[in-house]
Amino acid sequence: MPIFQLNDTIEFPHPDQAEDNGLLAVGGDLSVPRLLSAYSQGIFPWYSENEPPLWWFTDPRLVIFPHEFHISKRLARTLRNTDFRTTIDADFSQIIKSCAAIRIQKDEGTWISPEMTEAYIALHHEGYAHSVECWQGDKLAGGLYGVQIGNVFFGESMFTKISNASKVALVALMEYVREQNIQLIDCQMTTSHLLSFGAREISGAKFSSLLKRCIRAPSKITNS
């Protein structure tokens, strides 16, 4: 199956035309309108610096239904006894930059290039991308960020500098999504870490169907 080459028109092939590995299209840009169009169809960018944008639709798809989210007894004890505090959208740019920096420090490589960073900060300024910060005192200990459209939150990346900080941020995200009446969290890639919190795989077709239904609600939130 051919990989679709995007042009200046903000248009994507149908997700069911993705390769077995999830690759759907190449090219285009990371403008706010294109990113919103992509996420609305369950498509996301993931590529290395100095490459053209690569666009993916993974099948099966890892998701979290908020009512299925659960934490371990050990983490529950940590939450009761922790001196961590969490905030929402207090420092989005630092969160996304830290997500990239931690991976580079660990020699893991990162898709969060300067171009990606700039694009998601623009999404944040438009009210669609959000961050959860986890602090210990005045030090940023961990956090995560993602994109919200309608009643769907698309998780992008998380990091931790102090043990358990990213887990605390994830619990804070769940409080946020319940307040926002978010019905579906897209995790994109399957990891044992997320499975331990109640995430599960569903088919790409089911994901697309849920996405259409959940994304209809207004989602743009003005950042204060």
N, C-alpha and C. Protein backbone atom coordinates (compact mmCIF):
# COMPACT_ATOMS: atom_id res chain seq x y z
N MET A 1 0.85 -1.20 0.00
CA MET A 1 0.00 0.00 0.00
C MET A 1 0.89 1.25 0.00
N PRO A 2 0.63 2.22 -0.87
CA PRO A 2 1.50 3.40 -0.96
C PRO A 2 1.35 4.31 0.26
N ILE A 3 2.45 4.99 0.60
CA ILE A 3 2.41 6.00 1.65
C ILE A 3 2.01 7.31 0.98
N PHE A 4 0.99 7.96 1.50
CA PHE A 4 0.46 9.17 0.88
C PHE A 4 1.37 10.37 1.15
N GLN A 5 1.62 11.13 0.09
CA GLN A 5 2.41 12.35 0.18
C GLN A 5 1.45 13.53 0.35
N LEU A 6 1.56 14.23 1.47
CA LEU A 6 0.69 15.38 1.71
C LEU A 6 1.21 16.61 0.99
N ASN A 7 0.31 17.54 0.72
CA ASN A 7 0.69 18.81 0.10
C ASN A 7 0.15 19.95 0.95
N ASP A 8 0.00 21.12 0.33
CA ASP A 8 -0.45 22.29 1.09
C ASP A 8 -1.91 22.20 1.53
N THR A 9 -2.68 21.35 0.86
CA THR A 9 -4.08 21.16 1.25
C THR A 9 -4.14 20.37 2.55
N ILE A 10 -4.95 20.83 3.49
CA ILE A 10 -5.07 20.13 4.77
C ILE A 10 -6.06 18.99 4.59
N GLU A 11 -5.51 17.85 4.19
CA GLU A 11 -6.33 16.69 3.88
C GLU A 11 -5.51 15.43 4.13
N PHE A 12 -6.11 14.44 4.77
CA PHE A 12 -5.44 13.19 5.06
C PHE A 12 -6.19 12.03 4.41
N PRO A 13 -5.47 10.98 4.04
CA PRO A 13 -6.16 9.77 3.58
C PRO A 13 -6.92 9.14 4.75
N HIS A 14 -7.87 8.27 4.45
CA HIS A 14 -8.64 7.61 5.50
C HIS A 14 -7.70 6.77 6.36
N PRO A 15 -7.88 6.79 7.66
CA PRO A 15 -6.98 6.03 8.54
C PRO A 15 -6.87 4.55 8.22
N ASP A 16 -7.91 3.95 7.64
CA ASP A 16 -7.82 2.52 7.36
C ASP A 16 -6.85 2.20 6.23
N GLN A 17 -6.25 3.24 5.64
CA GLN A 17 -5.25 3.03 4.60
C GLN A 17 -3.82 3.04 5.15
N ALA A 18 -3.69 3.08 6.47
CA ALA A 18 -2.36 3.06 7.10
C ALA A 18 -1.68 1.71 6.89
N GLU A 19 -0.36 1.72 6.88
CA GLU A 19 0.42 0.50 6.84
C GLU A 19 0.20 -0.31 8.11
N ASP A 20 0.63 -1.56 8.11
CA ASP A 20 0.48 -2.40 9.30
C ASP A 20 1.17 -1.80 10.52
N ASN A 21 2.27 -1.07 10.29
CA ASN A 21 2.99 -0.45 11.41
C ASN A 21 2.37 0.88 11.84
N GLY A 22 1.32 1.30 11.13
CA GLY A 22 0.63 2.53 11.48
C GLY A 22 0.94 3.73 10.63
N LEU A 23 1.99 3.68 9.82
CA LEU A 23 2.37 4.83 8.99
C LEU A 23 1.31 5.07 7.92
N LEU A 24 0.82 6.31 7.85
CA LEU A 24 -0.26 6.66 6.95
C LEU A 24 0.15 7.63 5.86
N ALA A 25 0.95 8.66 6.23
CA ALA A 25 1.26 9.71 5.27
C ALA A 25 2.57 10.38 5.65
N VAL A 26 3.11 11.12 4.69
CA VAL A 26 4.36 11.84 4.91
C VAL A 26 4.22 13.24 4.32
N GLY A 27 4.87 14.21 4.96
CA GLY A 27 4.89 15.57 4.43
C GLY A 27 3.91 16.49 5.12
N GLY A 28 3.62 17.61 4.48
CA GLY A 28 2.77 18.62 5.08
C GLY A 28 3.53 19.44 6.11
N ASP A 29 2.78 20.06 6.99
CA ASP A 29 3.41 20.90 8.01
C ASP A 29 2.77 20.62 9.36
N LEU A 30 3.17 21.39 10.36
CA LEU A 30 2.64 21.23 11.71
C LEU A 30 1.82 22.45 12.13
N SER A 31 1.10 23.02 11.19
CA SER A 31 0.26 24.16 11.51
C SER A 31 -0.87 23.73 12.43
N VAL A 32 -1.41 24.68 13.16
CA VAL A 32 -2.52 24.38 14.07
C VAL A 32 -3.69 23.75 13.33
N PRO A 33 -4.15 24.29 12.20
CA PRO A 33 -5.27 23.66 11.50
C PRO A 33 -4.99 22.23 11.08
N ARG A 34 -3.76 21.95 10.61
CA ARG A 34 -3.45 20.59 10.18
C ARG A 34 -3.40 19.64 11.38
N LEU A 35 -2.81 20.08 12.48
CA LEU A 35 -2.75 19.24 13.67
C LEU A 35 -4.14 18.93 14.19
N LEU A 36 -5.01 19.92 14.22
CA LEU A 36 -6.38 19.70 14.69
C LEU A 36 -7.12 18.74 13.77
N SER A 37 -6.93 18.88 12.47
CA SER A 37 -7.54 17.97 11.52
C SER A 37 -7.05 16.54 11.75
N ALA A 38 -5.73 16.41 11.96
CA ALA A 38 -5.16 15.08 12.17
C ALA A 38 -5.71 14.44 13.43
N TYR A 39 -5.61 15.14 14.54
CA TYR A 39 -6.06 14.55 15.81
C TYR A 39 -7.54 14.22 15.77
N SER A 40 -8.33 15.03 15.10
CA SER A 40 -9.76 14.77 15.01
C SER A 40 -10.06 13.44 14.31
N GLN A 41 -9.08 12.95 13.55
CA GLN A 41 -9.23 11.66 12.87
C GLN A 41 -8.41 10.55 13.52
N GLY A 42 -7.78 10.87 14.66
CA GLY A 42 -6.97 9.88 15.35
C GLY A 42 -5.58 9.72 14.76
N ILE A 43 -5.17 10.69 13.96
CA ILE A 43 -3.86 10.66 13.30
C ILE A 43 -2.91 11.56 14.08
N PHE A 44 -1.66 11.14 14.24
CA PHE A 44 -0.72 11.95 14.99
C PHE A 44 0.65 11.95 14.31
N PRO A 45 1.44 13.04 14.48
CA PRO A 45 2.78 13.11 13.90
C PRO A 45 3.81 12.48 14.84
N TRP A 46 4.77 11.78 14.25
CA TRP A 46 5.83 11.15 15.05
C TRP A 46 7.00 10.89 14.11
N TYR A 47 8.06 11.64 14.27
CA TYR A 47 9.19 11.51 13.36
C TYR A 47 10.43 12.14 14.00
N SER A 48 11.58 11.90 13.41
CA SER A 48 12.84 12.42 13.93
C SER A 48 13.18 13.76 13.29
N GLU A 49 14.02 14.51 13.98
CA GLU A 49 14.47 15.80 13.47
C GLU A 49 15.16 15.62 12.13
N ASN A 50 15.00 16.60 11.27
CA ASN A 50 15.59 16.62 9.92
C ASN A 50 14.91 15.63 8.97
N GLU A 51 13.77 15.07 9.36
CA GLU A 51 12.96 14.26 8.47
C GLU A 51 11.68 15.04 8.15
N PRO A 52 11.02 14.70 7.04
CA PRO A 52 9.69 15.30 6.81
C PRO A 52 8.71 14.72 7.83
N PRO A 53 7.63 15.45 8.14
CA PRO A 53 6.65 14.92 9.08
C PRO A 53 6.09 13.57 8.63
N LEU A 54 6.02 12.64 9.56
CA LEU A 54 5.39 11.35 9.32
C LEU A 54 4.12 11.30 10.15
N TRP A 55 3.05 10.80 9.56
CA TRP A 55 1.73 10.79 10.20
C TRP A 55 1.26 9.35 10.39
N TRP A 56 0.72 9.04 11.58
CA TRP A 56 0.45 7.66 11.97
C TRP A 56 -0.98 7.48 12.45
N PHE A 57 -1.48 6.27 12.23
CA PHE A 57 -2.73 5.83 12.83
C PHE A 57 -2.49 4.38 13.26
N THR A 58 -2.30 4.16 14.55
CA THR A 58 -1.96 2.83 15.04
C THR A 58 -3.22 2.00 15.31
N ASP A 59 -3.12 0.72 15.01
CA ASP A 59 -4.23 -0.22 15.17
C ASP A 59 -3.63 -1.58 15.53
N PRO A 60 -3.94 -2.11 16.74
CA PRO A 60 -4.91 -1.62 17.72
C PRO A 60 -4.43 -0.34 18.40
N ARG A 61 -5.35 0.27 19.14
CA ARG A 61 -5.07 1.56 19.77
C ARG A 61 -5.21 1.43 21.28
N LEU A 62 -4.21 1.94 21.99
CA LEU A 62 -4.28 1.92 23.45
C LEU A 62 -5.05 3.13 23.94
N VAL A 63 -6.07 2.90 24.77
CA VAL A 63 -6.88 3.99 25.29
C VAL A 63 -7.13 3.77 26.78
N ILE A 64 -7.52 4.84 27.44
CA ILE A 64 -8.00 4.77 28.82
C ILE A 64 -9.41 5.34 28.84
N PHE A 65 -10.33 4.53 29.36
CA PHE A 65 -11.66 5.05 29.67
C PHE A 65 -11.59 5.51 31.13
N PRO A 66 -11.91 6.79 31.39
CA PRO A 66 -11.70 7.33 32.74
C PRO A 66 -12.27 6.47 33.86
N HIS A 67 -13.41 5.83 33.65
CA HIS A 67 -14.01 5.02 34.72
C HIS A 67 -13.25 3.72 34.95
N GLU A 68 -12.34 3.37 34.05
CA GLU A 68 -11.55 2.14 34.21
C GLU A 68 -10.16 2.42 34.78
N PHE A 69 -9.82 3.67 34.96
CA PHE A 69 -8.51 4.03 35.48
C PHE A 69 -8.39 3.59 36.94
N HIS A 70 -7.26 3.01 37.30
CA HIS A 70 -7.05 2.61 38.69
C HIS A 70 -5.57 2.74 39.04
N ILE A 71 -5.29 2.86 40.31
CA ILE A 71 -3.92 2.99 40.79
C ILE A 71 -3.62 1.88 41.79
N SER A 72 -2.34 1.59 41.95
CA SER A 72 -1.92 0.55 42.88
C SER A 72 -2.02 1.04 44.32
N LYS A 73 -2.05 0.10 45.25
CA LYS A 73 -2.07 0.47 46.67
C LYS A 73 -0.81 1.25 47.03
N ARG A 74 0.30 0.88 46.42
CA ARG A 74 1.56 1.57 46.71
C ARG A 74 1.48 3.04 46.28
N LEU A 75 0.94 3.28 45.08
CA LEU A 75 0.82 4.65 44.61
C LEU A 75 -0.19 5.42 45.46
N ALA A 76 -1.25 4.74 45.89
CA ALA A 76 -2.24 5.39 46.75
C ALA A 76 -1.59 5.88 48.04
N ARG A 77 -0.69 5.07 48.60
CA ARG A 77 0.04 5.49 49.82
C ARG A 77 0.94 6.68 49.52
N THR A 78 1.58 6.64 48.35
CA THR A 78 2.44 7.77 47.95
C THR A 78 1.63 9.05 47.87
N LEU A 79 0.45 8.97 47.28
CA LEU A 79 -0.40 10.15 47.13
C LEU A 79 -0.84 10.71 48.48
N ARG A 80 -1.08 9.81 49.44
CA ARG A 80 -1.51 10.26 50.77
C ARG A 80 -0.37 10.94 51.53
N ASN A 81 0.85 10.49 51.28
CA ASN A 81 1.98 10.95 52.08
C ASN A 81 2.94 11.88 51.34
N THR A 82 2.60 12.24 50.12
CA THR A 82 3.54 12.99 49.29
C THR A 82 3.55 14.48 49.61
N ASP A 83 4.67 15.13 49.29
CA ASP A 83 4.73 16.58 49.35
C ASP A 83 4.67 17.19 47.95
N PHE A 84 4.33 16.35 46.95
CA PHE A 84 4.12 16.86 45.60
C PHE A 84 2.85 17.71 45.55
N ARG A 85 2.86 18.69 44.65
CA ARG A 85 1.63 19.41 44.33
C ARG A 85 1.54 19.48 42.81
N THR A 86 0.34 19.57 42.30
CA THR A 86 0.15 19.57 40.85
C THR A 86 -0.60 20.81 40.40
N THR A 87 -0.34 21.20 39.16
CA THR A 87 -1.02 22.33 38.53
C THR A 87 -1.38 21.95 37.10
N ILE A 88 -2.29 22.71 36.52
CA ILE A 88 -2.69 22.52 35.13
C ILE A 88 -2.30 23.76 34.33
N ASP A 89 -1.57 23.57 33.25
CA ASP A 89 -1.20 24.66 32.33
C ASP A 89 -0.42 25.79 33.00
N ALA A 90 0.35 25.46 34.02
CA ALA A 90 1.15 26.49 34.68
C ALA A 90 2.44 26.80 33.92
N ASP A 91 2.97 25.80 33.20
CA ASP A 91 4.23 26.03 32.46
C ASP A 91 4.32 25.02 31.33
N PHE A 92 3.45 25.18 30.34
CA PHE A 92 3.39 24.22 29.24
C PHE A 92 4.73 24.09 28.52
N SER A 93 5.34 25.20 28.20
CA SER A 93 6.58 25.16 27.41
C SER A 93 7.67 24.39 28.14
N GLN A 94 7.74 24.56 29.48
CA GLN A 94 8.76 23.84 30.23
C GLN A 94 8.47 22.35 30.26
N ILE A 95 7.21 21.99 30.31
CA ILE A 95 6.84 20.57 30.31
C ILE A 95 7.27 19.90 29.01
N ILE A 96 6.93 20.48 27.87
CA ILE A 96 7.26 19.83 26.60
C ILE A 96 8.78 19.81 26.38
N LYS A 97 9.46 20.86 26.78
CA LYS A 97 10.91 20.88 26.65
C LYS A 97 11.56 19.86 27.56
N SER A 98 11.01 19.67 28.75
CA SER A 98 11.56 18.68 29.68
C SER A 98 11.32 17.26 29.17
N CYS A 99 10.16 17.01 28.55
CA CYS A 99 9.89 15.70 27.97
C CYS A 99 10.95 15.34 26.93
N ALA A 100 11.35 16.33 26.12
CA ALA A 100 12.39 16.10 25.12
C ALA A 100 13.75 15.93 25.77
N ALA A 101 14.07 16.80 26.73
CA ALA A 101 15.41 16.80 27.34
C ALA A 101 15.70 15.51 28.09
N ILE A 102 14.71 14.98 28.81
CA ILE A 102 14.91 13.76 29.59
C ILE A 102 15.28 12.61 28.68
N ARG A 103 14.63 12.50 27.53
CA ARG A 103 14.92 11.41 26.60
C ARG A 103 16.31 11.55 25.98
N ILE A 104 16.69 12.77 25.70
CA ILE A 104 18.03 12.99 25.15
C ILE A 104 19.10 12.65 26.18
N GLN A 105 18.84 13.03 27.43
CA GLN A 105 19.80 12.71 28.51
C GLN A 105 19.97 11.20 28.69
N LYS A 106 18.90 10.45 28.43
CA LYS A 106 18.95 8.99 28.58
C LYS A 106 19.40 8.30 27.30
N ASP A 107 19.80 9.08 26.29
CA ASP A 107 20.22 8.55 24.99
C ASP A 107 19.11 7.72 24.33
N GLU A 108 17.87 8.10 24.58
CA GLU A 108 16.73 7.40 23.99
C GLU A 108 16.32 8.01 22.66
N GLY A 109 16.79 9.22 22.38
CA GLY A 109 16.32 9.92 21.21
C GLY A 109 14.93 10.47 21.46
N THR A 110 14.50 11.42 20.66
CA THR A 110 13.17 12.01 20.87
C THR A 110 12.60 12.50 19.56
N TRP A 111 11.27 12.38 19.44
CA TRP A 111 10.55 12.97 18.31
C TRP A 111 10.16 14.41 18.59
N ILE A 112 10.40 14.87 19.83
CA ILE A 112 9.98 16.22 20.21
C ILE A 112 11.08 17.19 19.79
N SER A 113 11.14 17.45 18.51
CA SER A 113 12.14 18.34 17.93
C SER A 113 11.76 19.79 18.23
N PRO A 114 12.66 20.74 17.98
CA PRO A 114 12.29 22.15 18.12
C PRO A 114 11.05 22.52 17.31
N GLU A 115 10.91 21.93 16.11
CA GLU A 115 9.74 22.20 15.27
C GLU A 115 8.47 21.69 15.95
N MET A 116 8.53 20.49 16.52
CA MET A 116 7.37 19.93 17.23
C MET A 116 7.05 20.77 18.46
N THR A 117 8.09 21.16 19.18
CA THR A 117 7.89 21.97 20.39
C THR A 117 7.16 23.26 20.06
N GLU A 118 7.63 23.93 19.03
CA GLU A 118 7.00 25.19 18.61
C GLU A 118 5.55 24.98 18.20
N ALA A 119 5.28 23.87 17.50
CA ALA A 119 3.93 23.60 17.02
C ALA A 119 2.96 23.36 18.18
N TYR A 120 3.40 22.61 19.19
CA TYR A 120 2.49 22.31 20.30
C TYR A 120 2.34 23.49 21.26
N ILE A 121 3.35 24.32 21.34
CA ILE A 121 3.19 25.56 22.10
C ILE A 121 2.15 26.45 21.42
N ALA A 122 2.15 26.44 20.08
CA ALA A 122 1.12 27.20 19.35
C ALA A 122 -0.26 26.61 19.63
N LEU A 123 -0.36 25.29 19.67
CA LEU A 123 -1.64 24.64 20.01
C LEU A 123 -2.08 25.03 21.42
N HIS A 124 -1.12 25.12 22.32
CA HIS A 124 -1.42 25.52 23.70
C HIS A 124 -1.97 26.94 23.74
N HIS A 125 -1.33 27.83 23.01
CA HIS A 125 -1.79 29.22 22.99
C HIS A 125 -3.19 29.34 22.40
N GLU A 126 -3.55 28.41 21.51
CA GLU A 126 -4.89 28.41 20.93
C GLU A 126 -5.91 27.71 21.83
N GLY A 127 -5.45 27.14 22.95
CA GLY A 127 -6.36 26.54 23.91
C GLY A 127 -6.62 25.05 23.73
N TYR A 128 -5.83 24.38 22.88
CA TYR A 128 -6.07 22.96 22.61
C TYR A 128 -5.06 22.02 23.27
N ALA A 129 -3.88 22.47 23.56
CA ALA A 129 -2.88 21.62 24.20
C ALA A 129 -2.73 22.01 25.66
N HIS A 130 -2.61 21.02 26.52
CA HIS A 130 -2.60 21.26 27.96
C HIS A 130 -1.50 20.45 28.64
N SER A 131 -1.07 20.96 29.77
CA SER A 131 -0.02 20.29 30.53
C SER A 131 -0.45 20.09 31.97
N VAL A 132 0.14 19.07 32.58
CA VAL A 132 0.01 18.86 34.02
C VAL A 132 1.43 18.92 34.59
N GLU A 133 1.62 19.81 35.55
CA GLU A 133 2.92 19.95 36.20
C GLU A 133 2.89 19.31 37.59
N CYS A 134 3.94 18.63 37.94
CA CYS A 134 4.09 18.08 39.29
C CYS A 134 5.31 18.75 39.93
N TRP A 135 5.09 19.39 41.05
CA TRP A 135 6.13 20.17 41.71
C TRP A 135 6.50 19.55 43.06
N GLN A 136 7.75 19.72 43.41
CA GLN A 136 8.20 19.46 44.78
C GLN A 136 8.86 20.74 45.26
N GLY A 137 8.14 21.44 46.13
CA GLY A 137 8.57 22.79 46.44
C GLY A 137 8.39 23.65 45.20
N ASP A 138 9.43 24.37 44.83
CA ASP A 138 9.36 25.18 43.61
C ASP A 138 10.09 24.51 42.45
N LYS A 139 10.42 23.22 42.60
CA LYS A 139 11.14 22.48 41.57
C LYS A 139 10.17 21.64 40.76
N LEU A 140 10.28 21.71 39.44
CA LEU A 140 9.47 20.89 38.56
C LEU A 140 9.98 19.45 38.62
N ALA A 141 9.16 18.56 39.17
CA ALA A 141 9.58 17.19 39.40
C ALA A 141 9.17 16.23 38.29
N GLY A 142 8.14 16.59 37.54
CA GLY A 142 7.64 15.74 36.46
C GLY A 142 6.41 16.36 35.85
N GLY A 143 5.86 15.68 34.87
CA GLY A 143 4.65 16.21 34.25
C GLY A 143 4.33 15.51 32.94
N LEU A 144 3.31 16.01 32.28
CA LEU A 144 2.87 15.44 31.01
C LEU A 144 2.13 16.51 30.21
N TYR A 145 1.91 16.22 28.92
CA TYR A 145 1.13 17.13 28.09
C TYR A 145 0.36 16.34 27.04
N GLY A 146 -0.66 16.98 26.49
CA GLY A 146 -1.44 16.34 25.44
C GLY A 146 -2.36 17.35 24.79
N VAL A 147 -3.21 16.85 23.93
CA VAL A 147 -4.13 17.68 23.14
C VAL A 147 -5.56 17.31 23.50
N GLN A 148 -6.40 18.30 23.68
CA GLN A 148 -7.81 18.07 23.99
C GLN A 148 -8.68 18.64 22.88
N ILE A 149 -9.51 17.76 22.30
CA ILE A 149 -10.51 18.17 21.32
C ILE A 149 -11.82 17.49 21.71
N GLY A 150 -12.85 18.29 21.88
CA GLY A 150 -14.11 17.73 22.32
C GLY A 150 -13.93 17.02 23.65
N ASN A 151 -14.52 15.85 23.79
CA ASN A 151 -14.40 15.07 25.02
C ASN A 151 -13.34 14.00 24.91
N VAL A 152 -12.27 14.32 24.17
CA VAL A 152 -11.15 13.40 24.00
C VAL A 152 -9.86 14.10 24.40
N PHE A 153 -9.01 13.39 25.15
CA PHE A 153 -7.67 13.89 25.47
C PHE A 153 -6.67 12.95 24.83
N PHE A 154 -5.79 13.52 24.01
CA PHE A 154 -4.77 12.74 23.31
C PHE A 154 -3.45 12.91 24.07
N GLY A 155 -3.05 11.91 24.83
CA GLY A 155 -1.81 11.99 25.58
C GLY A 155 -0.61 11.95 24.66
N GLU A 156 0.36 12.82 24.91
CA GLU A 156 1.54 12.90 24.05
C GLU A 156 2.80 12.38 24.72
N SER A 157 3.15 12.92 25.86
CA SER A 157 4.40 12.49 26.49
C SER A 157 4.40 12.87 27.97
N MET A 158 5.22 12.17 28.74
CA MET A 158 5.39 12.50 30.15
C MET A 158 6.85 12.31 30.54
N PHE A 159 7.23 12.88 31.65
CA PHE A 159 8.60 12.73 32.14
C PHE A 159 8.60 12.79 33.66
N THR A 160 9.69 12.31 34.24
CA THR A 160 9.86 12.43 35.68
C THR A 160 11.32 12.69 36.00
N LYS A 161 11.53 13.59 36.92
CA LYS A 161 12.87 13.86 37.44
C LYS A 161 13.03 13.29 38.84
N ILE A 162 11.92 13.15 39.55
CA ILE A 162 11.89 12.61 40.90
C ILE A 162 10.93 11.44 40.91
N SER A 163 11.30 10.35 41.54
CA SER A 163 10.50 9.13 41.53
C SER A 163 9.03 9.40 41.84
N ASN A 164 8.16 8.81 41.01
CA ASN A 164 6.70 8.87 41.14
C ASN A 164 6.07 10.18 40.66
N ALA A 165 6.87 11.16 40.27
CA ALA A 165 6.29 12.46 39.89
C ALA A 165 5.39 12.35 38.66
N SER A 166 5.78 11.56 37.66
CA SER A 166 4.95 11.43 36.47
C SER A 166 3.66 10.67 36.79
N LYS A 167 3.74 9.73 37.74
CA LYS A 167 2.53 9.00 38.14
C LYS A 167 1.56 9.94 38.85
N VAL A 168 2.09 10.80 39.69
CA VAL A 168 1.25 11.78 40.38
C VAL A 168 0.61 12.72 39.36
N ALA A 169 1.37 13.09 38.34
CA ALA A 169 0.83 13.95 37.27
C ALA A 169 -0.29 13.23 36.52
N LEU A 170 -0.13 11.93 36.29
CA LEU A 170 -1.16 11.17 35.58
C LEU A 170 -2.44 11.11 36.40
N VAL A 171 -2.32 10.93 37.71
CA VAL A 171 -3.51 10.93 38.57
C VAL A 171 -4.18 12.30 38.53
N ALA A 172 -3.38 13.37 38.53
CA ALA A 172 -3.95 14.72 38.43
C ALA A 172 -4.64 14.92 37.09
N LEU A 173 -4.09 14.35 36.02
CA LEU A 173 -4.75 14.42 34.72
C LEU A 173 -6.14 13.79 34.79
N MET A 174 -6.25 12.65 35.49
CA MET A 174 -7.54 11.98 35.58
C MET A 174 -8.57 12.84 36.32
N GLU A 175 -8.12 13.58 37.30
CA GLU A 175 -9.03 14.51 37.98
C GLU A 175 -9.50 15.59 37.00
N TYR A 176 -8.56 16.06 36.19
CA TYR A 176 -8.88 17.10 35.20
C TYR A 176 -9.88 16.56 34.17
N VAL A 177 -9.65 15.36 33.63
CA VAL A 177 -10.53 14.86 32.58
C VAL A 177 -11.94 14.61 33.10
N ARG A 178 -12.05 14.22 34.35
CA ARG A 178 -13.39 14.03 34.93
C ARG A 178 -14.10 15.37 35.08
N GLU A 179 -13.36 16.39 35.48
CA GLU A 179 -13.96 17.72 35.58
C GLU A 179 -14.42 18.23 34.21
N GLN A 180 -13.67 17.88 33.17
CA GLN A 180 -13.98 18.33 31.81
C GLN A 180 -14.95 17.40 31.08
N ASN A 181 -15.39 16.35 31.75
CA ASN A 181 -16.29 15.35 31.14
C ASN A 181 -15.65 14.68 29.94
N ILE A 182 -14.34 14.51 29.97
CA ILE A 182 -13.64 13.80 28.90
C ILE A 182 -13.98 12.31 29.01
N GLN A 183 -14.33 11.72 27.89
CA GLN A 183 -14.81 10.34 27.89
C GLN A 183 -13.77 9.34 27.39
N LEU A 184 -12.71 9.84 26.76
CA LEU A 184 -11.74 8.94 26.14
C LEU A 184 -10.36 9.58 26.18
N ILE A 185 -9.37 8.79 26.58
CA ILE A 185 -7.97 9.23 26.56
C ILE A 185 -7.23 8.34 25.57
N ASP A 186 -6.65 8.95 24.57
CA ASP A 186 -5.87 8.24 23.57
C ASP A 186 -4.42 8.17 24.03
N CYS A 187 -3.91 6.95 24.14
CA CYS A 187 -2.51 6.76 24.59
C CYS A 187 -1.57 6.47 23.41
N GLN A 188 -2.12 6.28 22.23
CA GLN A 188 -1.36 6.08 20.98
C GLN A 188 -0.60 4.76 20.96
N MET A 189 0.41 4.61 21.82
CA MET A 189 1.27 3.44 21.81
C MET A 189 1.06 2.60 23.08
N THR A 190 1.12 1.30 22.94
CA THR A 190 0.92 0.40 24.07
C THR A 190 2.20 0.26 24.89
N THR A 191 2.10 0.51 26.20
CA THR A 191 3.21 0.31 27.12
C THR A 191 2.69 -0.42 28.36
N SER A 192 3.55 -1.20 28.98
CA SER A 192 3.16 -1.92 30.20
C SER A 192 2.84 -0.93 31.31
N HIS A 193 3.52 0.21 31.32
CA HIS A 193 3.29 1.23 32.33
C HIS A 193 1.84 1.70 32.29
N LEU A 194 1.32 2.02 31.11
CA LEU A 194 -0.05 2.50 31.00
C LEU A 194 -1.06 1.37 31.21
N LEU A 195 -0.72 0.17 30.78
CA LEU A 195 -1.60 -0.98 31.02
C LEU A 195 -1.84 -1.19 32.52
N SER A 196 -0.83 -0.89 33.32
CA SER A 196 -0.95 -1.09 34.77
C SER A 196 -1.95 -0.12 35.40
N PHE A 197 -2.30 0.96 34.68
CA PHE A 197 -3.27 1.93 35.18
C PHE A 197 -4.68 1.67 34.65
N GLY A 198 -4.83 0.63 33.87
CA GLY A 198 -6.15 0.30 33.34
C GLY A 198 -6.34 0.60 31.87
N ALA A 199 -5.30 1.05 31.19
CA ALA A 199 -5.40 1.25 29.75
C ALA A 199 -5.61 -0.09 29.07
N ARG A 200 -6.28 -0.07 27.92
CA ARG A 200 -6.47 -1.30 27.16
C ARG A 200 -6.53 -1.01 25.67
N GLU A 201 -6.24 -2.04 24.90
CA GLU A 201 -6.24 -1.90 23.46
C GLU A 201 -7.65 -2.13 22.89
N ILE A 202 -8.01 -1.31 21.91
CA ILE A 202 -9.23 -1.52 21.14
C ILE A 202 -8.85 -1.46 19.66
N SER A 203 -9.71 -1.93 18.82
CA SER A 203 -9.41 -1.92 17.38
C SER A 203 -9.40 -0.49 16.85
N GLY A 204 -8.69 -0.30 15.76
CA GLY A 204 -8.67 1.01 15.13
C GLY A 204 -10.06 1.45 14.69
N ALA A 205 -10.86 0.49 14.22
CA ALA A 205 -12.22 0.83 13.78
C ALA A 205 -13.08 1.29 14.95
N LYS A 206 -12.96 0.60 16.09
CA LYS A 206 -13.73 1.00 17.27
C LYS A 206 -13.25 2.36 17.77
N PHE A 207 -11.94 2.57 17.74
CA PHE A 207 -11.40 3.85 18.17
C PHE A 207 -11.95 4.98 17.30
N SER A 208 -11.96 4.79 16.00
CA SER A 208 -12.47 5.82 15.09
C SER A 208 -13.94 6.12 15.37
N SER A 209 -14.71 5.08 15.64
CA SER A 209 -16.13 5.26 15.94
C SER A 209 -16.33 6.05 17.23
N LEU A 210 -15.58 5.69 18.27
CA LEU A 210 -15.66 6.41 19.55
C LEU A 210 -15.21 7.85 19.39
N LEU A 211 -14.18 8.04 18.59
CA LEU A 211 -13.62 9.37 18.40
C LEU A 211 -14.66 10.30 17.77
N LYS A 212 -15.33 9.83 16.76
CA LYS A 212 -16.35 10.66 16.10
C LYS A 212 -17.43 11.08 17.08
N ARG A 213 -17.81 10.16 17.95
CA ARG A 213 -18.88 10.46 18.90
C ARG A 213 -18.42 11.41 20.00
N CYS A 214 -17.21 11.20 20.49
CA CYS A 214 -16.72 11.96 21.65
C CYS A 214 -16.18 13.34 21.29
N ILE A 215 -15.82 13.52 20.04
CA ILE A 215 -15.13 14.75 19.67
C ILE A 215 -16.08 15.88 19.31
N ARG A 216 -17.37 15.59 19.29
CA ARG A 216 -18.34 16.59 18.85
C ARG A 216 -18.52 17.74 19.84
N ALA A 217 -18.23 17.49 21.12
CA ALA A 217 -18.44 18.53 22.13
C ALA A 217 -17.41 19.63 21.98
N PRO A 218 -17.75 20.87 22.31
CA PRO A 218 -16.77 21.96 22.27
C PRO A 218 -15.59 21.64 23.18
N SER A 219 -14.40 22.05 22.78
CA SER A 219 -13.23 21.69 23.57
C SER A 219 -12.28 22.84 23.83
N LYS A 220 -12.38 23.90 23.05
CA LYS A 220 -11.39 24.96 23.18
C LYS A 220 -11.55 25.63 24.53
N ILE A 221 -10.46 25.68 25.28
CA ILE A 221 -10.46 26.26 26.61
C ILE A 221 -9.48 27.42 26.60
N THR A 222 -9.92 28.57 27.05
CA THR A 222 -9.04 29.74 27.10
C THR A 222 -8.05 29.60 28.25
N ASN A 223 -6.76 29.67 27.93
CA ASN A 223 -5.74 29.57 28.97
C ASN A 223 -5.70 30.86 29.77
N SER A 224 -5.71 30.74 31.08
CA SER A 224 -5.66 31.92 31.93
C SER A 224 -4.23 32.26 32.28
